[in-house]
């Protein structure tokens, strides 16, 4: 049964990519900076957090802005994917009633769209770390692999909960 569901989802992979790209386009179509907002948003958030913790709370951590940026980008991916995927089936129930497509397409497309934004932010993070020539850049692949394992487990349990409803 699981293998049949996965093959059915795989057969809709073209639609999955179209939905994911349309989500990204729709999200940034009315924005002033467009898709560059996926890069600017974490940088602005990093500046605010750095200002608060460096100048107001007087935290003296070496390279604090880079550590903040390294935490903000994965967190934004995780939180937006979780929040958007939780309501994606309910928000798209009109399409589910009109067409015979797997329900899993919508949460997967949301996570895929947020992953495309994550890649843009991660590229920014990677180039910032390369610019400052930090050795911590070697930890990024390890942290990302650990993060994706945790996220996949959480997504599976969340999807199981959604299917039971």
Protein backbone atom coordinates (compact mmCIF):
# COMPACT_ATOMS: atom_id res chain seq x y z
CA UNK A 1 0.00 0.00 0.00
CA UNK A 2 2.78 2.43 0.87
CA UNK A 3 4.67 1.55 -2.29
CA UNK A 4 1.52 2.24 -4.35
CA UNK A 5 1.09 5.65 -2.70
CA UNK A 6 4.70 6.57 -3.36
CA UNK A 7 4.52 5.50 -7.01
CA UNK A 8 1.30 7.48 -7.41
CA UNK A 9 2.93 10.56 -5.94
CA UNK A 10 5.94 9.97 -8.17
CA UNK A 11 3.71 9.86 -11.20
CA UNK A 12 2.47 13.36 -10.27
CA UNK A 13 6.01 14.77 -9.90
CA UNK A 14 5.52 17.21 -12.79
CA UNK A 15 2.45 18.66 -11.12
CA UNK A 16 4.31 18.72 -7.83
CA UNK A 17 7.06 20.93 -9.28
CA UNK A 18 4.52 23.17 -11.01
CA UNK A 19 2.62 23.70 -7.77
CA UNK A 20 5.85 24.39 -5.85
CA UNK A 21 7.10 26.94 -8.40
CA UNK A 22 3.69 28.60 -8.58
CA UNK A 23 3.71 28.92 -4.77
CA UNK A 24 7.09 30.65 -4.87
CA UNK A 25 5.97 32.94 -7.70
CA UNK A 26 2.70 33.78 -5.92
CA UNK A 27 4.47 34.49 -2.66
CA UNK A 28 6.90 36.98 -4.17
CA UNK A 29 4.90 38.37 -7.09
CA UNK A 30 3.64 41.42 -5.17
CA UNK A 31 6.81 41.93 -3.14
CA UNK A 32 8.98 44.92 -3.93
CA UNK A 33 12.19 42.89 -4.07
CA UNK A 34 10.60 39.80 -5.57
CA UNK A 35 12.45 36.54 -5.00
CA UNK A 36 15.40 38.44 -3.51
CA UNK A 37 13.20 38.85 -0.45
CA UNK A 38 14.12 35.23 0.42
CA UNK A 39 17.70 36.47 0.85
CA UNK A 40 16.99 39.91 2.32
CA UNK A 41 14.51 38.73 4.96
CA UNK A 42 17.00 36.56 6.92
CA UNK A 43 19.66 39.25 6.62
CA UNK A 44 17.35 41.92 8.05
CA UNK A 45 16.26 39.60 10.85
CA UNK A 46 19.93 38.87 11.59
CA UNK A 47 20.66 42.60 11.82
CA UNK A 48 17.81 43.20 14.27
CA UNK A 49 18.74 40.26 16.51
CA UNK A 50 22.40 41.23 16.40
CA UNK A 51 21.57 44.80 17.34
CA UNK A 52 19.41 43.72 20.27
CA UNK A 53 21.85 41.19 21.70
CA UNK A 54 25.05 43.10 20.98
CA UNK A 55 24.11 46.67 21.87
CA UNK A 56 21.20 46.34 24.29
CA UNK A 57 22.06 43.14 26.18
CA UNK A 58 25.83 43.57 25.68
CA UNK A 59 26.47 39.96 24.67
CA UNK A 60 30.10 39.59 23.71
CA UNK A 61 30.16 36.62 21.39
CA UNK A 62 32.72 36.53 18.64
CA UNK A 63 31.12 36.54 15.16
CA UNK A 64 27.65 36.65 16.65
CA UNK A 65 25.90 37.81 13.43
CA UNK A 66 27.13 34.76 11.54
CA UNK A 67 25.90 32.37 14.19
CA UNK A 68 22.55 34.11 14.20
CA UNK A 69 22.32 33.83 10.41
CA UNK A 70 23.31 30.16 10.58
CA UNK A 71 20.37 29.55 12.90
CA UNK A 72 17.78 31.81 11.27
CA UNK A 73 17.87 30.29 7.78
CA UNK A 74 17.13 26.67 8.80
CA UNK A 75 14.62 27.84 11.38
CA UNK A 76 12.73 29.91 8.82
CA UNK A 77 12.59 26.87 6.51
CA UNK A 78 11.39 24.58 9.29
CA UNK A 79 8.78 26.92 10.75
CA UNK A 80 7.33 28.08 7.42
CA UNK A 81 7.22 24.51 6.06
CA UNK A 82 5.50 23.21 9.15
CA UNK A 83 3.00 26.07 9.36
CA UNK A 84 2.15 26.09 5.64
CA UNK A 85 2.03 22.31 5.26
CA UNK A 86 -0.30 21.91 8.22
CA UNK A 87 -3.11 23.75 6.47
CA UNK A 88 -2.27 22.96 2.88
CA UNK A 89 -4.77 20.12 2.44
CA UNK A 90 -7.57 22.15 3.98
CA UNK A 91 -6.70 25.22 1.91
CA UNK A 92 -6.69 23.20 -1.31
CA UNK A 93 -9.80 21.10 -0.69
CA UNK A 94 -11.44 22.65 -3.77
CA UNK A 95 -8.76 21.16 -6.00
CA UNK A 96 -9.01 17.85 -4.17
CA UNK A 97 -12.74 17.72 -4.85
CA UNK A 98 -12.35 18.64 -8.53
CA UNK A 99 -9.40 16.42 -9.42
CA UNK A 100 -8.31 12.95 -8.46
CA UNK A 101 -4.84 13.69 -7.13
CA UNK A 102 -3.10 12.35 -4.02
CA UNK A 103 -3.55 14.42 -0.88
CA UNK A 104 0.15 14.24 -0.17
CA UNK A 105 0.94 16.44 -3.18
CA UNK A 106 -0.01 19.64 -1.37
CA UNK A 107 2.11 19.32 1.80
CA UNK A 108 5.02 18.05 -0.29
CA UNK A 109 4.69 20.99 -2.67
CA UNK A 110 4.68 23.42 0.26
CA UNK A 111 7.84 21.89 1.70
CA UNK A 112 9.42 21.87 -1.75
CA UNK A 113 8.59 25.55 -2.29
CA UNK A 114 10.03 26.45 1.10
CA UNK A 115 13.07 24.33 0.30
CA UNK A 116 13.70 26.44 -2.82
CA UNK A 117 13.69 29.53 -0.60
CA UNK A 118 15.96 27.74 1.85
CA UNK A 119 18.46 27.05 -0.92
CA UNK A 120 18.59 30.77 -1.74
CA UNK A 121 19.18 31.64 1.92
CA UNK A 122 21.71 28.86 2.33
CA UNK A 123 23.70 30.09 -0.66
CA UNK A 124 23.81 33.51 0.98
CA UNK A 125 24.96 31.97 4.24
CA UNK A 126 27.60 29.89 2.51
CA UNK A 127 29.06 32.88 0.65
CA UNK A 128 29.06 35.01 3.81
CA UNK A 129 30.98 32.29 5.64
CA UNK A 130 33.39 31.89 2.73
CA UNK A 131 33.93 35.65 2.67
CA UNK A 132 34.90 35.66 6.34
CA UNK A 133 36.92 32.42 5.88
CA UNK A 134 35.56 30.62 8.90
CA UNK A 135 36.32 27.01 9.67
CA UNK A 136 32.77 26.56 10.92
CA UNK A 137 31.63 26.15 7.32
CA UNK A 138 32.69 22.50 7.60
CA UNK A 139 29.96 22.01 10.23
CA UNK A 140 27.19 23.18 7.90
CA UNK A 141 26.78 19.90 5.94
CA UNK A 142 26.71 17.92 9.20
CA UNK A 143 24.13 20.24 10.76
CA UNK A 144 21.99 20.18 7.63
CA UNK A 145 22.01 16.40 7.44
CA UNK A 146 21.01 16.15 11.09
CA UNK A 147 18.35 18.81 10.62
CA UNK A 148 16.81 17.09 7.59
CA UNK A 149 16.67 13.76 9.40
CA UNK A 150 14.79 15.36 12.28
CA UNK A 151 12.54 17.27 9.89
CA UNK A 152 11.69 14.12 7.91
CA UNK A 153 10.73 12.26 11.06
CA UNK A 154 8.58 15.14 12.20
CA UNK A 155 6.95 15.49 8.79
CA UNK A 156 6.11 11.77 8.66
CA UNK A 157 4.43 11.88 12.05
CA UNK A 158 2.62 15.11 11.16
CA UNK A 159 1.38 13.63 7.86
CA UNK A 160 0.17 10.54 9.68
CA UNK A 161 -1.82 12.80 11.98
CA UNK A 162 -3.30 14.69 9.00
CA UNK A 163 -4.35 11.48 7.25
CA UNK A 164 -6.08 10.19 10.36
CA UNK A 165 -8.24 13.32 10.56
